[in-house]
Amino acid sequence: MKKLTLALAGSALMILASGANANDLAAGKAAFDKYTCASCHGADAKTSTMPAYPILAGQHQDYLEHALRSYKRGAAGAPASANTRKNAIMGAMVAQLTPADIKNISAWLASLPSPLAVRK
């Protein structure tokens, strides 16, 4: 009986936690627009203005979050051993982002169709 109670309590906590941390795709799109990400990565996030700029649409959400946090650490002057990315443009852009912005933008970008999607 104790195991069942613990399992039910754990399941309830997981459901509550997932609801509290749910990504807001509309907020992600709004933040993408607000912080002018489209000026380099394109309005659809897959037609960049220069070939050197990556396609973001369809990229894995966890990868995008990691990259944005790494740029943010680099802009803050964290040592190279802190898994940083140093880029003047991206550093200035992500310095403005909140952790919620990073999660929402990453979720919205990952939800977009693109040539990066795996087709079966």
PDB file of N, CA and C in Angstrom:
ATOM      1  N   MET A   1       0.816  -1.191   0.000  1.00  0.00           N
ATOM      2  CA  MET A   1       0.000   0.000   0.000  1.00  0.00           C
ATOM      3  C   MET A   1       0.869   1.268   0.000  1.00  0.00           C
ATOM      4  N   LYS A   2       1.979   1.207   0.767  1.00  0.00           N
ATOM      5  CA  LYS A   2       2.878   2.351   0.823  1.00  0.00           C
ATOM      6  C   LYS A   2       3.468   2.637  -0.562  1.00  0.00           C
ATOM      7  N   LYS A   3       3.825   1.586  -1.290  1.00  0.00           N
ATOM      8  CA  LYS A   3       4.412   1.772  -2.614  1.00  0.00           C
ATOM      9  C   LYS A   3       3.410   2.414  -3.569  1.00  0.00           C
ATOM     10  N   LEU A   4       2.158   1.997  -3.485  1.00  0.00           N
ATOM     11  CA  LEU A   4       1.127   2.569  -4.341  1.00  0.00           C
ATOM     12  C   LEU A   4       0.915   4.045  -4.011  1.00  0.00           C
ATOM     13  N   THR A   5       0.884   4.370  -2.736  1.00  0.00           N
ATOM     14  CA  THR A   5       0.714   5.762  -2.313  1.00  0.00           C
ATOM     15  C   THR A   5       1.880   6.610  -2.795  1.00  0.00           C
ATOM     16  N   LEU A   6       3.087   6.088  -2.643  1.00  0.00           N
ATOM     17  CA  LEU A   6       4.268   6.823  -3.107  1.00  0.00           C
ATOM     18  C   LEU A   6       4.244   7.008  -4.621  1.00  0.00           C
ATOM     19  N   ALA A   7       3.839   5.977  -5.339  1.00  0.00           N
ATOM     20  CA  ALA A   7       3.773   6.065  -6.798  1.00  0.00           C
ATOM     21  C   ALA A   7       2.745   7.100  -7.240  1.00  0.00           C
ATOM     22  N   LEU A   8       1.580   7.106  -6.584  1.00  0.00           N
ATOM     23  CA  LEU A   8       0.547   8.086  -6.924  1.00  0.00           C
ATOM     24  C   LEU A   8       0.994   9.506  -6.584  1.00  0.00           C
ATOM     25  N   ALA A   9       1.641   9.665  -5.445  1.00  0.00           N
ATOM     26  CA  ALA A   9       2.134  10.987  -5.055  1.00  0.00           C
ATOM     27  C   ALA A   9       3.202  11.462  -6.041  1.00  0.00           C
ATOM     28  N   GLY A  10       4.088  10.574  -6.441  1.00  0.00           N
ATOM     29  CA  GLY A  10       5.119  10.918  -7.413  1.00  0.00           C
ATOM     30  C   GLY A  10       4.518  11.307  -8.747  1.00  0.00           C
ATOM     31  N   SER A  11       3.504  10.569  -9.183  1.00  0.00           N
ATOM     32  CA  SER A  11       2.834  10.891 -10.450  1.00  0.00           C
ATOM     33  C   SER A  11       2.160  12.252 -10.381  1.00  0.00           C
ATOM     34  N   ALA A  12       1.510  12.535  -9.266  1.00  0.00           N
ATOM     35  CA  ALA A  12       0.842  13.828  -9.101  1.00  0.00           C
ATOM     36  C   ALA A  12       1.858  14.963  -9.142  1.00  0.00           C
ATOM     37  N   LEU A  13       3.004  14.770  -8.491  1.00  0.00           N
ATOM     38  CA  LEU A  13       4.043  15.798  -8.514  1.00  0.00           C
ATOM     39  C   LEU A  13       4.580  16.020  -9.915  1.00  0.00           C
ATOM     40  N   MET A  14       4.753  14.936 -10.659  1.00  0.00           N
ATOM     41  CA  MET A  14       5.241  15.058 -12.040  1.00  0.00           C
ATOM     42  C   MET A  14       4.251  15.846 -12.894  1.00  0.00           C
ATOM     43  N   ILE A  15       2.966  15.572 -12.729  1.00  0.00           N
ATOM     44  CA  ILE A  15       1.947  16.270 -13.508  1.00  0.00           C
ATOM     45  C   ILE A  15       1.928  17.747 -13.147  1.00  0.00           C
ATOM     46  N   LEU A  16       1.993  18.048 -11.857  1.00  0.00           N
ATOM     47  CA  LEU A  16       2.011  19.442 -11.424  1.00  0.00           C
ATOM     48  C   LEU A  16       3.253  20.163 -11.916  1.00  0.00           C
ATOM     49  N   ALA A  17       4.390  19.504 -11.833  1.00  0.00           N
ATOM     50  CA  ALA A  17       5.641  20.125 -12.269  1.00  0.00           C
ATOM     51  C   ALA A  17       5.638  20.370 -13.771  1.00  0.00           C
ATOM     52  N   SER A  18       5.121  19.439 -14.542  1.00  0.00           N
ATOM     53  CA  SER A  18       5.106  19.622 -15.993  1.00  0.00           C
ATOM     54  C   SER A  18       4.169  20.756 -16.383  1.00  0.00           C
ATOM     55  N   GLY A  19       3.083  20.935 -15.676  1.00  0.00           N
ATOM     56  CA  GLY A  19       2.165  22.037 -15.953  1.00  0.00           C
ATOM     57  C   GLY A  19       2.785  23.369 -15.596  1.00  0.00           C
ATOM     58  N   ALA A  20       3.528  23.429 -14.518  1.00  0.00           N
ATOM     59  CA  ALA A  20       4.133  24.679 -14.070  1.00  0.00           C
ATOM     60  C   ALA A  20       5.273  25.109 -14.986  1.00  0.00           C
ATOM     61  N   ASN A  21       5.923  24.156 -15.632  1.00  0.00           N
ATOM     62  CA  ASN A  21       7.070  24.465 -16.476  1.00  0.00           C
ATOM     63  C   ASN A  21       6.743  24.388 -17.963  1.00  0.00           C
ATOM     64  N   ALA A  22       5.478  24.331 -18.276  1.00  0.00           N
ATOM     65  CA  ALA A  22       5.088  24.201 -19.673  1.00  0.00           C
ATOM     66  C   ALA A  22       5.591  25.402 -20.466  1.00  0.00           C
ATOM     67  N   ASN A  23       6.107  25.125 -21.640  1.00  0.00           N
ATOM     68  CA  ASN A  23       6.610  26.193 -22.495  1.00  0.00           C
ATOM     69  C   ASN A  23       5.443  26.844 -23.217  1.00  0.00           C
ATOM     70  N   ASP A  24       5.532  28.133 -23.383  1.00  0.00           N
ATOM     71  CA  ASP A  24       4.489  28.909 -24.037  1.00  0.00           C
ATOM     72  C   ASP A  24       4.972  29.247 -25.444  1.00  0.00           C
ATOM     73  N   LEU A  25       4.424  28.543 -26.434  1.00  0.00           N
ATOM     74  CA  LEU A  25       4.872  28.742 -27.814  1.00  0.00           C
ATOM     75  C   LEU A  25       4.537  30.145 -28.319  1.00  0.00           C
ATOM     76  N   ALA A  26       3.386  30.671 -27.927  1.00  0.00           N
ATOM     77  CA  ALA A  26       3.026  32.031 -28.354  1.00  0.00           C
ATOM     78  C   ALA A  26       4.000  33.044 -27.759  1.00  0.00           C
ATOM     79  N   ALA A  27       4.388  32.833 -26.498  1.00  0.00           N
ATOM     80  CA  ALA A  27       5.364  33.727 -25.865  1.00  0.00           C
ATOM     81  C   ALA A  27       6.724  33.579 -26.532  1.00  0.00           C
ATOM     82  N   GLY A  28       7.053  32.370 -26.981  1.00  0.00           N
ATOM     83  CA  GLY A  28       8.314  32.153 -27.694  1.00  0.00           C
ATOM     84  C   GLY A  28       8.353  32.906 -29.005  1.00  0.00           C
ATOM     85  N   LYS A  29       7.263  32.857 -29.756  1.00  0.00           N
ATOM     86  CA  LYS A  29       7.171  33.594 -31.027  1.00  0.00           C
ATOM     87  C   LYS A  29       7.249  35.094 -30.758  1.00  0.00           C
ATOM     88  N   ALA A  30       6.537  35.554 -29.721  1.00  0.00           N
ATOM     89  CA  ALA A  30       6.547  36.981 -29.383  1.00  0.00           C
ATOM     90  C   ALA A  30       7.951  37.445 -28.992  1.00  0.00           C
ATOM     91  N   ALA A  31       8.665  36.633 -28.216  1.00  0.00           N
ATOM     92  CA  ALA A  31      10.033  36.995 -27.813  1.00  0.00           C
ATOM     93  C   ALA A  31      10.973  36.971 -29.018  1.00  0.00           C
ATOM     94  N   PHE A  32      10.810  36.009 -29.912  1.00  0.00           N
ATOM     95  CA  PHE A  32      11.611  35.937 -31.139  1.00  0.00           C
ATOM     96  C   PHE A  32      11.447  37.233 -31.924  1.00  0.00           C
ATOM     97  N   ASP A  33      10.206  37.712 -32.014  1.00  0.00           N
ATOM     98  CA  ASP A  33       9.930  38.959 -32.724  1.00  0.00           C
ATOM     99  C   ASP A  33      10.445  40.167 -31.942  1.00  0.00           C
ATOM    100  N   LYS A  34      10.196  40.195 -30.654  1.00  0.00           N
ATOM    101  CA  LYS A  34      10.587  41.337 -29.809  1.00  0.00           C
ATOM    102  C   LYS A  34      12.096  41.576 -29.844  1.00  0.00           C
ATOM    103  N   TYR A  35      12.867  40.510 -29.769  1.00  0.00           N
ATOM    104  CA  TYR A  35      14.324  40.637 -29.715  1.00  0.00           C
ATOM    105  C   TYR A  35      14.963  40.595 -31.106  1.00  0.00           C
ATOM    106  N   THR A  36      14.161  40.761 -32.134  1.00  0.00           N
ATOM    107  CA  THR A  36      14.582  40.869 -33.538  1.00  0.00           C
ATOM    108  C   THR A  36      15.488  39.735 -34.014  1.00  0.00           C
ATOM    109  N   CYS A  37      15.209  38.549 -33.573  1.00  0.00           N
ATOM    110  CA  CYS A  37      15.980  37.379 -34.018  1.00  0.00           C
ATOM    111  C   CYS A  37      15.865  37.199 -35.536  1.00  0.00           C
ATOM    112  N   ALA A  38      14.710  37.595 -36.090  1.00  0.00           N
ATOM    113  CA  ALA A  38      14.465  37.432 -37.523  1.00  0.00           C
ATOM    114  C   ALA A  38      15.407  38.263 -38.378  1.00  0.00           C
ATOM    115  N   SER A  39      15.981  39.308 -37.801  1.00  0.00           N
ATOM    116  CA  SER A  39      16.867  40.151 -38.609  1.00  0.00           C
ATOM    117  C   SER A  39      18.091  39.382 -39.110  1.00  0.00           C
ATOM    118  N   CYS A  40      18.468  38.335 -38.434  1.00  0.00           N
ATOM    119  CA  CYS A  40      19.578  37.489 -38.894  1.00  0.00           C
ATOM    120  C   CYS A  40      19.109  36.104 -39.331  1.00  0.00           C
ATOM    121  N   HIS A  41      18.170  35.513 -38.566  1.00  0.00           N
ATOM    122  CA  HIS A  41      17.785  34.123 -38.793  1.00  0.00           C
ATOM    123  C   HIS A  41      16.560  33.969 -39.685  1.00  0.00           C
ATOM    124  N   GLY A  42      15.962  35.079 -40.120  1.00  0.00           N
ATOM    125  CA  GLY A  42      14.793  35.030 -40.988  1.00  0.00           C
ATOM    126  C   GLY A  42      13.505  34.929 -40.193  1.00  0.00           C
ATOM    127  N   ALA A  43      12.425  35.464 -40.739  1.00  0.00           N
ATOM    128  CA  ALA A  43      11.133  35.463 -40.054  1.00  0.00           C
ATOM    129  C   ALA A  43      10.637  34.047 -39.783  1.00  0.00           C
ATOM    130  N   ASP A  44      10.988  33.109 -40.657  1.00  0.00           N
ATOM    131  CA  ASP A  44      10.570  31.719 -40.466  1.00  0.00           C
ATOM    132  C   ASP A  44      11.641  30.898 -39.753  1.00  0.00           C
ATOM    133  N   ALA A  45      12.729  31.535 -39.371  1.00  0.00           N
ATOM    134  CA  ALA A  45      13.856  30.914 -38.652  1.00  0.00           C
ATOM    135  C   ALA A  45      14.583  29.842 -39.468  1.00  0.00           C
ATOM    136  N   LYS A  46      14.330  29.835 -40.773  1.00  0.00           N
ATOM    137  CA  LYS A  46      15.054  28.877 -41.623  1.00  0.00           C
ATOM    138  C   LYS A  46      15.612  29.506 -42.894  1.00  0.00           C
ATOM    139  N   THR A  47      15.370  30.796 -43.086  1.00  0.00           N
ATOM    140  CA  THR A  47      15.947  31.501 -44.232  1.00  0.00           C
ATOM    141  C   THR A  47      16.800  32.645 -43.694  1.00  0.00           C
ATOM    142  N   SER A  48      17.977  32.289 -43.215  1.00  0.00           N
ATOM    143  CA  SER A  48      18.895  33.261 -42.627  1.00  0.00           C
ATOM    144  C   SER A  48      19.339  34.281 -43.655  1.00  0.00           C
ATOM    145  N   THR A  49      19.707  35.458 -43.172  1.00  0.00           N
ATOM    146  CA  THR A  49      20.131  36.525 -44.067  1.00  0.00           C
ATOM    147  C   THR A  49      21.534  36.295 -44.616  1.00  0.00           C
ATOM    148  N   MET A  50      22.312  35.457 -43.951  1.00  0.00           N
ATOM    149  CA  MET A  50      23.650  35.099 -44.437  1.00  0.00           C
ATOM    150  C   MET A  50      23.841  33.590 -44.273  1.00  0.00           C
ATOM    151  N   PRO A  51      24.547  32.954 -45.179  1.00  0.00           N
ATOM    152  CA  PRO A  51      24.740  31.499 -45.088  1.00  0.00           C
ATOM    153  C   PRO A  51      25.423  31.038 -43.798  1.00  0.00           C
ATOM    154  N   ALA A  52      26.209  31.909 -43.180  1.00  0.00           N
ATOM    155  CA  ALA A  52      26.907  31.532 -41.951  1.00  0.00           C
ATOM    156  C   ALA A  52      25.972  31.466 -40.744  1.00  0.00           C
ATOM    157  N   TYR A  53      24.791  32.085 -40.841  1.00  0.00           N
ATOM    158  CA  TYR A  53      23.855  32.071 -39.723  1.00  0.00           C
ATOM    159  C   TYR A  53      23.052  30.775 -39.772  1.00  0.00           C
ATOM    160  N   PRO A  54      22.933  30.091 -38.643  1.00  0.00           N
ATOM    161  CA  PRO A  54      22.293  28.769 -38.665  1.00  0.00           C
ATOM    162  C   PRO A  54      20.775  28.800 -38.829  1.00  0.00           C
ATOM    163  N   ILE A  55      20.259  27.708 -39.361  1.00  0.00           N
ATOM    164  CA  ILE A  55      18.819  27.471 -39.393  1.00  0.00           C
ATOM    165  C   ILE A  55      18.424  27.083 -37.970  1.00  0.00           C
ATOM    166  N   LEU A  56      17.444  27.770 -37.427  1.00  0.00           N
ATOM    167  CA  LEU A  56      17.005  27.481 -36.061  1.00  0.00           C
ATOM    168  C   LEU A  56      15.717  26.672 -36.024  1.00  0.00           C
ATOM    169  N   ALA A  57      14.856  26.836 -36.998  1.00  0.00           N
ATOM    170  CA  ALA A  57      13.586  26.118 -37.039  1.00  0.00           C
ATOM    171  C   ALA A  57      13.832  24.615 -37.080  1.00  0.00           C
ATOM    172  N   GLY A  58      13.118  23.900 -36.237  1.00  0.00           N
ATOM    173  CA  GLY A  58      13.224  22.448 -36.219  1.00  0.00           C
ATOM    174  C   GLY A  58      14.408  21.898 -35.447  1.00  0.00           C
ATOM    175  N   GLN A  59      15.235  22.760 -34.910  1.00  0.00           N
ATOM    176  CA  GLN A  59      16.381  22.306 -34.112  1.00  0.00           C
ATOM    177  C   GLN A  59      15.861  21.758 -32.777  1.00  0.00           C
ATOM    178  N   HIS A  60      16.617  20.892 -32.148  1.00  0.00           N
ATOM    179  CA  HIS A  60      16.212  20.318 -30.871  1.00  0.00           C
ATOM    180  C   HIS A  60      16.135  21.401 -29.797  1.00  0.00           C
ATOM    181  N   GLN A  61      15.062  21.369 -29.015  1.00  0.00           N
ATOM    182  CA  GLN A  61      14.844  22.384 -27.988  1.00  0.00           C
ATOM    183  C   GLN A  61      15.978  22.416 -26.966  1.00  0.00           C
ATOM    184  N   ASP A  62      16.414  21.258 -26.496  1.00  0.00           N
ATOM    185  CA  ASP A  62      17.471  21.248 -25.480  1.00  0.00           C
ATOM    186  C   ASP A  62      18.781  21.815 -26.033  1.00  0.00           C
ATOM    187  N   TYR A  63      19.068  21.574 -27.289  1.00  0.00           N
ATOM    188  CA  TYR A  63      20.266  22.132 -27.905  1.00  0.00           C
ATOM    189  C   TYR A  63      20.178  23.655 -27.976  1.00  0.00           C
ATOM    190  N   LEU A  64      19.023  24.172 -28.408  1.00  0.00           N
ATOM    191  CA  LEU A  64      18.843  25.617 -28.503  1.00  0.00           C
ATOM    192  C   LEU A  64      18.970  26.294 -27.137  1.00  0.00           C
ATOM    193  N   GLU A  65      18.352  25.689 -26.123  1.00  0.00           N
ATOM    194  CA  GLU A  65      18.458  26.241 -24.764  1.00  0.00           C
ATOM    195  C   GLU A  65      19.914  26.272 -24.308  1.00  0.00           C
ATOM    196  N   HIS A  66      20.614  25.175 -24.541  1.00  0.00           N
ATOM    197  CA  HIS A  66      22.025  25.095 -24.152  1.00  0.00           C
ATOM    198  C   HIS A  66      22.856  26.164 -24.865  1.00  0.00           C
ATOM    199  N   ALA A  67      22.629  26.327 -26.165  1.00  0.00           N
ATOM    200  CA  ALA A  67      23.391  27.315 -26.940  1.00  0.00           C
ATOM    201  C   ALA A  67      23.115  28.731 -26.437  1.00  0.00           C
ATOM    202  N   LEU A  68      21.857  29.063 -26.194  1.00  0.00           N
ATOM    203  CA  LEU A  68      21.524  30.402 -25.716  1.00  0.00           C
ATOM    204  C   LEU A  68      22.119  30.674 -24.335  1.00  0.00           C
ATOM    205  N   ARG A  69      22.046  29.680 -23.453  1.00  0.00           N
ATOM    206  CA  ARG A  69      22.659  29.857 -22.121  1.00  0.00           C
ATOM    207  C   ARG A  69      24.174  29.989 -22.238  1.00  0.00           C
ATOM    208  N   SER A  70      24.795  29.283 -23.169  1.00  0.00           N
ATOM    209  CA  SER A  70      26.250  29.382 -23.365  1.00  0.00           C
ATOM    210  C   SER A  70      26.641  30.769 -23.880  1.00  0.00           C
ATOM    211  N   TYR A  71      25.856  31.327 -24.790  1.00  0.00           N
ATOM    212  CA  TYR A  71      26.106  32.695 -25.250  1.00  0.00           C
ATOM    213  C   TYR A  71      25.932  33.686 -24.097  1.00  0.00           C
ATOM    214  N   LYS A  72      24.944  33.438 -23.265  1.00  0.00           N
ATOM    215  CA  LYS A  72      24.691  34.329 -22.133  1.00  0.00           C
ATOM    216  C   LYS A  72      25.861  34.283 -21.141  1.00  0.00           C
ATOM    217  N   ARG A  73      26.386  33.077 -20.878  1.00  0.00           N
ATOM    218  CA  ARG A  73      27.557  32.963 -19.999  1.00  0.00           C
ATOM    219  C   ARG A  73      28.761  33.659 -20.616  1.00  0.00           C
ATOM    220  N   GLY A  74      28.947  33.522 -21.916  1.00  0.00           N
ATOM    221  CA  GLY A  74      30.061  34.177 -22.595  1.00  0.00           C
ATOM    222  C   GLY A  74      29.960  35.688 -22.521  1.00  0.00           C
ATOM    223  N   ALA A  75      28.746  36.221 -22.674  1.00  0.00           N
ATOM    224  CA  ALA A  75      28.540  37.668 -22.600  1.00  0.00           C
ATOM    225  C   ALA A  75      28.772  38.188 -21.191  1.00  0.00           C
ATOM    226  N   ALA A  76      28.533  37.337 -20.197  1.00  0.00           N
ATOM    227  CA  ALA A  76      28.698  37.745 -18.797  1.00  0.00           C
ATOM    228  C   ALA A  76      30.158  37.659 -18.359  1.00  0.00           C
ATOM    229  N   GLY A  77      31.030  37.164 -19.232  1.00  0.00           N
ATOM    230  CA  GLY A  77      32.458  37.096 -18.913  1.00  0.00           C
ATOM    231  C   GLY A  77      32.860  35.854 -18.143  1.00  0.00           C
ATOM    232  N   ALA A  78      32.044  34.813 -18.199  1.00  0.00           N
ATOM    233  CA  ALA A  78      32.394  33.560 -17.532  1.00  0.00           C
ATOM    234  C   ALA A  78      33.662  32.986 -18.158  1.00  0.00           C
ATOM    235  N   PRO A  79      34.476  32.276 -17.368  1.00  0.00           N
ATOM    236  CA  PRO A  79      35.701  31.701 -17.929  1.00  0.00           C
ATOM    237  C   PRO A  79      35.382  30.651 -18.999  1.00  0.00           C
ATOM    238  N   ALA A  80      36.319  30.433 -19.881  1.00  0.00           N
ATOM    239  CA  ALA A  80      36.125  29.485 -20.981  1.00  0.00           C
ATOM    240  C   ALA A  80      35.773  28.094 -20.478  1.00  0.00           C
ATOM    241  N   SER A  81      36.200  27.751 -19.284  1.00  0.00           N
ATOM    242  CA  SER A  81      35.908  26.423 -18.741  1.00  0.00           C
ATOM    243  C   SER A  81      34.445  26.279 -18.324  1.00  0.00           C
ATOM    244  N   ALA A  82      33.679  27.367 -18.368  1.00  0.00           N
ATOM    245  CA  ALA A  82      32.277  27.333 -17.954  1.00  0.00           C
ATOM    246  C   ALA A  82      31.329  27.049 -19.116  1.00  0.00           C
ATOM    247  N   ASN A  83      31.835  26.438 -20.179  1.00  0.00           N
ATOM    248  CA  ASN A  83      31.034  26.098 -21.346  1.00  0.00           C
ATOM    249  C   ASN A  83      30.376  27.346 -21.918  1.00  0.00           C
ATOM    250  N   THR A  84      31.200  28.225 -22.431  1.00  0.00           N
ATOM    251  CA  THR A  84      30.721  29.494 -22.956  1.00  0.00           C
ATOM    252  C   THR A  84      30.826  29.532 -24.475  1.00  0.00           C
ATOM    253  N   ARG A  85      30.060  30.417 -25.051  1.00  0.00           N
ATOM    254  CA  ARG A  85      30.181  30.765 -26.463  1.00  0.00           C
ATOM    255  C   ARG A  85      30.371  32.261 -26.506  1.00  0.00           C
ATOM    256  N   LYS A  86      31.388  32.694 -27.199  1.00  0.00           N
ATOM    257  CA  LYS A  86      31.665  34.124 -27.289  1.00  0.00           C
ATOM    258  C   LYS A  86      31.377  34.592 -28.709  1.00  0.00           C
ATOM    259  N   ASN A  87      30.410  35.485 -28.823  1.00  0.00           N
ATOM    260  CA  ASN A  87      30.053  36.095 -30.088  1.00  0.00           C
ATOM    261  C   ASN A  87      29.423  37.437 -29.735  1.00  0.00           C
ATOM    262  N   ALA A  88      29.985  38.510 -30.252  1.00  0.00           N
ATOM    263  CA  ALA A  88      29.537  39.846 -29.870  1.00  0.00           C
ATOM    264  C   ALA A  88      28.051  40.069 -30.160  1.00  0.00           C
ATOM    265  N   ILE A  89      27.595  39.638 -31.321  1.00  0.00           N
ATOM    266  CA  ILE A  89      26.195  39.860 -31.681  1.00  0.00           C
ATOM    267  C   ILE A  89      25.274  39.008 -30.818  1.00  0.00           C
ATOM    268  N   MET A  90      25.528  37.715 -30.768  1.00  0.00           N
ATOM    269  CA  MET A  90      24.659  36.838 -29.984  1.00  0.00           C
ATOM    270  C   MET A  90      24.750  37.154 -28.491  1.00  0.00           C
ATOM    271  N   GLY A  91      25.916  37.508 -28.024  1.00  0.00           N
ATOM    272  CA  GLY A  91      26.076  37.852 -26.614  1.00  0.00           C
ATOM    273  C   GLY A  91      25.205  39.032 -26.230  1.00  0.00           C
ATOM    274  N   ALA A  92      25.188  40.059 -27.080  1.00  0.00           N
ATOM    275  CA  ALA A  92      24.356  41.234 -26.813  1.00  0.00           C
ATOM    276  C   ALA A  92      22.872  40.888 -26.884  1.00  0.00           C
ATOM    277  N   MET A  93      22.505  39.998 -27.792  1.00  0.00           N
ATOM    278  CA  MET A  93      21.095  39.633 -27.938  1.00  0.00           C
ATOM    279  C   MET A  93      20.600  38.822 -26.739  1.00  0.00           C
ATOM    280  N   VAL A  94      21.349  37.808 -26.334  1.00  0.00           N
ATOM    281  CA  VAL A  94      20.870  36.938 -25.251  1.00  0.00           C
ATOM    282  C   VAL A  94      20.999  37.566 -23.874  1.00  0.00           C
ATOM    283  N   ALA A  95      21.802  38.600 -23.749  1.00  0.00           N
ATOM    284  CA  ALA A  95      21.932  39.273 -22.452  1.00  0.00           C
ATOM    285  C   ALA A  95      20.586  39.814 -21.988  1.00  0.00           C
ATOM    286  N   GLN A  96      19.697  40.084 -22.915  1.00  0.00           N
ATOM    287  CA  GLN A  96      18.374  40.625 -22.604  1.00  0.00           C
ATOM    288  C   GLN A  96      17.361  39.558 -22.213  1.00  0.00           C
ATOM    289  N   LEU A  97      17.652  38.298 -22.517  1.00  0.00           N
ATOM    290  CA  LEU A  97      16.675  37.225 -22.339  1.00  0.00           C
ATOM    291  C   LEU A  97      16.601  36.730 -20.901  1.00  0.00           C
ATOM    292  N   THR A  98      15.385  36.458 -20.464  1.00  0.00           N
ATOM    293  CA  THR A  98      15.169  35.822 -19.172  1.00  0.00           C
ATOM    294  C   THR A  98      15.236  34.303 -19.380  1.00  0.00           C
ATOM    295  N   PRO A  99      15.378  33.525 -18.306  1.00  0.00           N
ATOM    296  CA  PRO A  99      15.329  32.065 -18.471  1.00  0.00           C
ATOM    297  C   PRO A  99      14.023  31.599 -19.130  1.00  0.00           C
ATOM    298  N   ALA A 100      12.901  32.251 -18.821  1.00  0.00           N
ATOM    299  CA  ALA A 100      11.626  31.884 -19.453  1.00  0.00           C
ATOM    300  C   ALA A 100      11.659  32.195 -20.948  1.00  0.00           C
ATOM    301  N   ASP A 101      12.245  33.332 -21.322  1.00  0.00           N
ATOM    302  CA  ASP A 101      12.382  33.667 -22.744  1.00  0.00           C
ATOM    303  C   ASP A 101      13.170  32.583 -23.471  1.00  0.00           C
ATOM    304  N   ILE A 102      14.266  32.155 -22.873  1.00  0.00           N
ATOM    305  CA  ILE A 102      15.114  31.129 -23.494  1.00  0.00           C
ATOM    306  C   ILE A 102      14.325  29.847 -23.695  1.00  0.00           C
ATOM    307  N   LYS A 103      13.592  29.407 -22.681  1.00  0.00           N
ATOM    308  CA  LYS A 103      12.798  28.176 -22.804  1.00  0.00           C
ATOM    309  C   LYS A 103      11.701  28.329 -23.855  1.00  0.00           C
ATOM    310  N   ASN A 104      11.002  29.454 -23.829  1.00  0.00           N
ATOM    311  CA  ASN A 104       9.885  29.647 -24.758  1.00  0.00           C
ATOM    312  C   ASN A 104      10.350  29.808 -26.201  1.00  0.00           C
ATOM    313  N   ILE A 105      11.398  30.577 -26.421  1.00  0.00           N
ATOM    314  CA  ILE A 105      11.933  30.733 -27.778  1.00  0.00           C
ATOM    315  C   ILE A 105      12.411  29.384 -28.306  1.00  0.00           C
ATOM    316  N   SER A 106      13.119  28.642 -27.472  1.00  0.00           N
ATOM    317  CA  SER A 106      13.628  27.325 -27.888  1.00  0.00           C
ATOM    318  C   SER A 106      12.491  26.372 -28.214  1.00  0.00           C
ATOM    319  N   ALA A 107      11.442  26.389 -27.401  1.00  0.00           N
ATOM    320  CA  ALA A 107      10.292  25.511 -27.648  1.00  0.00           C
ATOM    321  C   ALA A 107       9.595  25.893 -28.955  1.00  0.00           C
ATOM    322  N   TRP A 108       9.421  27.207 -29.190  1.00  0.00           N
ATOM    323  CA  TRP A 108       8.762  27.649 -30.414  1.00  0.00           C
ATOM    324  C   TRP A 108       9.587  27.266 -31.638  1.00  0.00           C
ATOM    325  N   LEU A 109      10.886  27.502 -31.587  1.00  0.00           N
ATOM    326  CA  LEU A 109      11.746  27.155 -32.720  1.00  0.00           C
ATOM    327  C   LEU A 109      11.720  25.655 -32.990  1.00  0.00           C
ATOM    328  N   ALA A 110      11.763  24.860 -31.935  1.00  0.00           N
ATOM    329  CA  ALA A 110      11.748  23.404 -32.103  1.00  0.00           C
ATOM    330  C   ALA A 110      10.434  22.909 -32.691  1.00  0.00           C
ATOM    331  N   SER A 111       9.357  23.653 -32.491  1.00  0.00           N
ATOM    332  CA  SER A 111       8.045  23.232 -32.996  1.00  0.00           C
ATOM    333  C   SER A 111       7.852  23.522 -34.478  1.00  0.00           C
ATOM    334  N   LEU A 112       8.734  24.326 -35.064  1.00  0.00           N
ATOM    335  CA  LEU A 112       8.574  24.737 -36.460  1.00  0.00           C
ATOM    336  C   LEU A 112       9.032  23.655 -37.433  1.00  0.00           C
ATOM    337  N   PRO A 113       8.337  23.525 -38.548  1.00  0.00           N
ATOM    338  CA  PRO A 113       8.794  22.578 -39.577  1.00  0.00           C
ATOM    339  C   PRO A 113      10.033  23.145 -40.267  1.00  0.00           C
ATOM    340  N   SER A 114      10.913  22.265 -40.640  1.00  0.00           N
ATOM    341  CA  SER A 114      12.116  22.723 -41.333  1.00  0.00           C
ATOM    342  C   SER A 114      12.822  21.552 -41.997  1.00  0.00           C
ATOM    343  N   PRO A 115      13.844  21.851 -42.803  1.00  0.00           N
ATOM    344  CA  PRO A 115      14.616  20.774 -43.419  1.00  0.00           C
ATOM    345  C   PRO A 115      15.426  19.984 -42.394  1.00  0.00           C
ATOM    346  N   LEU A 116      15.491  20.456 -41.138  1.00  0.00           N
ATOM    347  CA  LEU A 116      16.219  19.725 -40.116  1.00  0.00           C
ATOM    348  C   LEU A 116      15.411  18.565 -39.549  1.00  0.00           C
ATOM    349  N   ALA A 117      14.118  18.524 -39.826  1.00  0.00           N
ATOM    350  CA  ALA A 117      13.255  17.477 -39.278  1.00  0.00           C
ATOM    351  C   ALA A 117      13.641  16.114 -39.839  1.00  0.00           C
ATOM    352  N   VAL A 118      13.503  15.112 -39.023  1.00  0.00           N
ATOM    353  CA  VAL A 118      13.794  13.738 -39.453  1.00  0.00           C
ATOM    354  C   VAL A 118      12.548  13.187 -40.136  1.00  0.00           C
ATOM    355  N   ARG A 119      12.725  12.698 -41.324  1.00  0.00           N
ATOM    356  CA  ARG A 119      11.603  12.133 -42.058  1.00  0.00           C
ATOM    357  C   ARG A 119      11.739  10.624 -42.102  1.00  0.00           C
ATOM    358  N   LYS A 120      10.623   9.939 -41.932  1.00  0.00           N
ATOM    359  CA  LYS A 120      10.636   8.467 -41.971  1.00  0.00           C
ATOM    360  C   LYS A 120       9.920   7.984 -43.197  1.00  0.00           C
TER     361      LYS A 120
END
